[in-house]
Amino acid sequence: MSWTLRVVGILVILMGSLSAASNVFPKAAGMAELLQDARKGGISSVHVIYLSPMEAQARWGDGFMRSKEYTYRFDSLPEGRDSAEAFSRVLRGHFRDDGVDLVLDARDPLVGLGGVSLVVPVLYWRFIEVIWLKWMVLAAFVVGVGVMVTRKEGRAPSVGYWLAATCIGSGMLAYFWSEPHSLRRVDGSRGCNFGISGWGVFFRSVCWFGIALLAAFLVVSLRG
């Protein structure tokens, strides 16, 4: 795999990680911000989610780095005890007054979060809202695994170490960086291309996990 394709693979996976983090940890907002975003036309749909008979939540955003949520609490039990439907009626009234046409749906974008997803972070690609980015991330992993299993030799003692590391997502970042030689060698030279032990694969994967985690923390903390 060429130097350029490896760099693109790293950037795509990092972008996917940041997008998923923004979606999993949306920014808390209010009704005024929701209406303002709707007037600007930056969103096409709002997810209205049932939380309890007295509470419902709206989730919206551009799906990339600016996901937001607003929890609405009723003063009294809404008609039919369906807080999501009652909240949808409230939102439709506001949108109608502002001349905004938005689709409201009851789909929870984080349904399925938990269980195996918490143990195998690579599954977080499912929570990327931007469709083209979701499939680009999946394609990067598929191509990376394909190269792993078909390459006859590498710096690690066994391809199994890389396949295991891929389960934490950052293992693929470490693989793109390290195989068949470090990306620091832009010219592709293999001089002093020392091998990588099993622990070396683990260490590189953890380092890339830390980089992705730090980037996600900065994006979630500093987003507007």
Protein backbone atom coordinates (compact mmCIF):
# COMPACT_ATOMS: atom_id res chain seq x y z
CA MET A 1 0.00 0.00 0.00
CA SER A 2 1.40 3.41 -0.96
CA TRP A 3 2.41 6.12 1.49
CA THR A 4 -0.48 8.34 0.31
CA LEU A 5 -3.15 5.67 0.77
CA ARG A 6 -1.89 4.94 4.29
CA VAL A 7 -2.09 8.64 5.21
CA VAL A 8 -5.61 8.85 3.77
CA GLY A 9 -6.61 5.74 5.75
CA ILE A 10 -5.38 7.30 9.00
CA LEU A 11 -7.19 10.59 8.32
CA VAL A 12 -10.46 8.85 7.41
CA ILE A 13 -10.44 6.70 10.57
CA LEU A 14 -9.59 9.71 12.76
CA MET A 15 -12.41 11.75 11.18
CA GLY A 16 -14.80 8.86 11.78
CA SER A 17 -13.71 8.60 15.41
CA LEU A 18 -14.29 12.32 15.97
CA SER A 19 -17.69 12.19 14.28
CA ALA A 20 -18.75 9.20 16.40
CA ALA A 21 -17.52 10.91 19.58
CA SER A 22 -19.53 14.04 18.77
CA ASN A 23 -22.63 11.90 18.23
CA VAL A 24 -22.15 9.80 21.37
CA PHE A 25 -21.42 12.91 23.47
CA PRO A 26 -23.62 15.66 21.99
CA LYS A 27 -23.48 19.24 23.21
CA ALA A 28 -26.28 20.21 25.63
CA ALA A 29 -28.48 22.91 24.10
CA GLY A 30 -31.87 24.54 24.59
CA MET A 31 -35.03 25.24 22.66
CA ALA A 32 -33.75 28.62 21.45
CA GLU A 33 -30.64 27.02 19.94
CA LEU A 34 -32.69 24.31 18.26
CA LEU A 35 -35.01 26.88 16.68
CA GLN A 36 -32.06 29.03 15.64
CA ASP A 37 -30.32 26.09 13.94
CA ALA A 38 -33.59 25.17 12.22
CA ARG A 39 -34.02 28.71 10.87
CA LYS A 40 -30.48 28.71 9.51
CA GLY A 41 -31.29 25.57 7.51
CA GLY A 42 -28.23 23.67 8.71
CA ILE A 43 -30.26 20.61 9.71
CA SER A 44 -32.77 18.54 7.79
CA SER A 45 -34.20 16.37 10.56
CA VAL A 46 -34.56 16.13 14.34
CA HIS A 47 -34.63 12.90 16.33
CA VAL A 48 -37.28 13.03 19.07
CA ILE A 49 -36.61 10.31 21.65
CA TYR A 50 -38.83 9.07 24.46
CA LEU A 51 -37.06 9.15 27.85
CA SER A 52 -39.91 8.83 30.34
CA PRO A 53 -43.64 9.70 30.53
CA MET A 54 -42.60 13.23 31.53
CA GLU A 55 -39.44 13.71 29.44
CA ALA A 56 -38.41 13.60 25.80
CA GLN A 57 -35.18 14.50 24.07
CA ALA A 58 -34.39 16.14 20.75
CA ARG A 59 -31.12 15.34 18.96
CA TRP A 60 -29.91 17.19 15.90
CA GLY A 61 -26.82 18.60 14.22
CA ASP A 62 -24.78 18.37 11.05
CA GLY A 63 -23.89 14.80 12.00
CA PHE A 64 -20.15 15.45 11.85
CA MET A 65 -18.75 17.50 14.71
CA ARG A 66 -21.69 19.53 16.02
CA SER A 67 -24.27 17.09 17.37
CA LYS A 68 -26.58 18.63 20.01
CA GLU A 69 -29.32 17.50 22.37
CA TYR A 70 -32.12 19.16 24.30
CA THR A 71 -34.14 17.44 27.03
CA TYR A 72 -37.68 18.73 27.43
CA ARG A 73 -39.61 18.10 30.66
CA PHE A 74 -43.39 18.50 30.85
CA ASP A 75 -44.97 20.15 33.88
CA SER A 76 -47.76 17.59 33.84
CA LEU A 77 -48.31 14.19 32.29
CA PRO A 78 -48.88 14.72 28.53
CA GLU A 79 -51.92 13.34 26.77
CA GLY A 80 -51.54 9.65 25.97
CA ARG A 81 -48.46 9.49 28.22
CA ASP A 82 -46.32 9.59 25.10
CA SER A 83 -43.81 12.32 25.83
CA ALA A 84 -42.05 11.94 22.45
CA GLU A 85 -45.25 12.47 20.46
CA ALA A 86 -46.31 15.38 22.69
CA PHE A 87 -42.87 17.00 22.33
CA SER A 88 -43.07 16.52 18.57
CA ARG A 89 -46.33 18.48 18.56
CA VAL A 90 -44.64 21.27 20.52
CA LEU A 91 -41.77 21.39 18.02
CA ARG A 92 -44.06 21.31 15.00
CA GLY A 93 -45.91 24.31 16.43
CA HIS A 94 -42.66 26.28 16.79
CA PHE A 95 -41.45 25.25 13.34
CA ARG A 96 -44.78 26.18 11.77
CA ASP A 97 -44.64 29.63 13.39
CA ASP A 98 -41.13 30.13 11.99
CA GLY A 99 -41.99 28.77 8.55
CA VAL A 100 -39.52 25.90 8.95
CA ASP A 101 -40.11 22.51 7.37
CA LEU A 102 -38.21 19.81 9.24
CA VAL A 103 -38.66 16.05 9.46
CA LEU A 104 -39.22 14.74 12.99
CA ASP A 105 -38.55 11.07 13.61
CA ALA A 106 -38.43 8.77 16.63
CA ARG A 107 -35.14 7.08 15.67
CA ASP A 108 -32.55 7.00 18.42
CA PRO A 109 -29.15 7.45 16.71
CA LEU A 110 -27.45 5.72 19.65
CA VAL A 111 -29.64 2.62 19.76
CA GLY A 112 -27.42 -0.39 20.29
CA LEU A 113 -24.70 1.56 22.10
CA GLY A 114 -23.33 -0.64 24.86
CA GLY A 115 -22.57 -4.30 25.29
CA VAL A 116 -20.04 -5.46 22.72
CA SER A 117 -19.70 -1.88 21.41
CA LEU A 118 -18.09 -0.87 24.71
CA VAL A 119 -15.58 -3.73 24.53
CA VAL A 120 -14.79 -3.44 20.81
CA PRO A 121 -14.50 0.29 20.03
CA VAL A 122 -14.13 -0.39 16.30
CA LEU A 123 -17.91 -0.94 16.29
CA TYR A 124 -18.36 2.77 16.97
CA TRP A 125 -18.36 3.29 13.19
CA ARG A 126 -22.09 2.47 13.40
CA PHE A 127 -22.68 5.73 15.27
CA ILE A 128 -21.25 7.96 12.56
CA GLU A 129 -24.19 10.00 11.24
CA VAL A 130 -22.59 11.11 7.96
CA ILE A 131 -23.31 8.24 5.57
CA TRP A 132 -20.38 8.82 3.19
CA LEU A 133 -17.93 9.02 6.11
CA LYS A 134 -19.36 5.88 7.72
CA TRP A 135 -18.75 3.83 4.59
CA MET A 136 -15.33 5.36 4.01
CA VAL A 137 -14.30 4.29 7.53
CA LEU A 138 -15.60 0.78 6.94
CA ALA A 139 -13.82 0.65 3.58
CA ALA A 140 -10.54 1.73 5.22
CA PHE A 141 -10.81 -1.13 7.71
CA VAL A 142 -11.72 -3.66 5.02
CA VAL A 143 -8.81 -2.60 2.81
CA GLY A 144 -6.44 -2.59 5.77
CA VAL A 145 -7.42 -6.09 6.87
CA GLY A 146 -7.17 -7.29 3.27
CA VAL A 147 -3.62 -5.98 3.03
CA MET A 148 -2.75 -7.55 6.40
CA VAL A 149 -3.79 -11.07 5.47
CA THR A 150 -2.36 -11.00 1.94
CA ARG A 151 1.04 -9.44 2.69
CA LYS A 152 3.68 -12.16 2.77
CA GLU A 153 5.95 -10.49 5.29
CA GLY A 154 5.81 -7.62 7.74
CA ARG A 155 7.61 -6.09 10.68
CA ALA A 156 5.46 -7.89 13.29
CA PRO A 157 6.17 -11.61 13.96
CA SER A 158 2.61 -12.55 12.99
CA VAL A 159 -0.34 -10.88 11.28
CA GLY A 160 -2.45 -12.16 14.19
CA TYR A 161 -1.05 -9.40 16.42
CA TRP A 162 -2.31 -6.74 14.02
CA LEU A 163 -5.69 -8.43 13.57
CA ALA A 164 -6.18 -8.54 17.35
CA ALA A 165 -5.11 -4.89 17.69
CA THR A 166 -7.60 -3.89 15.00
CA CYS A 167 -10.43 -4.83 17.37
CA ILE A 168 -9.72 -1.70 19.40
CA GLY A 169 -9.87 0.45 16.27
CA SER A 170 -6.59 2.21 16.92
CA GLY A 171 -4.75 -0.95 15.86
CA MET A 172 -5.56 -0.09 12.26
CA LEU A 173 -4.11 3.39 12.75
CA ALA A 174 -0.95 1.82 14.15
CA TYR A 175 -0.82 -0.62 11.23
CA PHE A 176 -1.13 2.09 8.59
CA TRP A 177 1.62 4.01 10.38
CA SER A 178 4.01 1.09 10.87
CA GLU A 179 3.67 -1.39 7.98
CA PRO A 180 5.59 -2.14 5.86
CA HIS A 181 7.76 0.74 7.12
CA SER A 182 7.22 3.86 9.21
CA LEU A 183 5.28 6.69 7.56
CA ARG A 184 8.07 8.99 8.65
CA ARG A 185 9.95 7.66 5.63
CA VAL A 186 8.14 9.63 2.95
CA ASP A 187 10.42 8.22 0.25
CA GLY A 188 9.45 4.66 1.23
CA SER A 189 13.04 3.68 2.10
CA ARG A 190 13.40 0.57 4.22
CA GLY A 191 16.80 1.25 5.72
CA CYS A 192 17.04 0.23 9.41
CA ASN A 193 13.50 -1.12 9.16
CA PHE A 194 13.62 -3.01 12.46
CA GLY A 195 10.97 -5.56 13.41
CA ILE A 196 8.08 -5.04 15.82
CA SER A 197 7.36 -7.46 18.66
CA GLY A 198 3.88 -8.39 19.84
CA TRP A 199 4.26 -5.92 22.69
CA GLY A 200 5.39 -3.33 20.14
CA VAL A 201 2.12 -3.77 18.25
CA PHE A 202 0.22 -3.34 21.52
CA PHE A 203 2.22 -0.24 22.50
CA ARG A 204 1.71 1.42 19.11
CA SER A 205 -2.03 0.66 19.21
CA VAL A 206 -2.37 2.15 22.69
CA CYS A 207 -0.46 5.27 21.60
CA TRP A 208 -2.81 5.78 18.65
CA PHE A 209 -5.79 5.13 20.91
CA GLY A 210 -4.51 7.93 23.16
CA ILE A 211 -4.10 10.26 20.16
CA ALA A 212 -7.66 9.55 18.97
CA LEU A 213 -9.02 9.95 22.51
CA LEU A 214 -7.23 13.27 23.01
CA ALA A 215 -8.48 14.55 19.64
CA ALA A 216 -12.04 13.51 20.51
CA PHE A 217 -11.78 15.20 23.91
CA LEU A 218 -10.60 18.45 22.31
CA VAL A 219 -13.35 18.39 19.68
CA VAL A 220 -16.10 17.65 22.22
CA SER A 221 -14.77 20.31 24.61
CA LEU A 222 -14.08 23.11 22.15
CA ARG A 223 -16.87 22.72 19.59
CA GLY A 224 -19.17 25.68 19.10
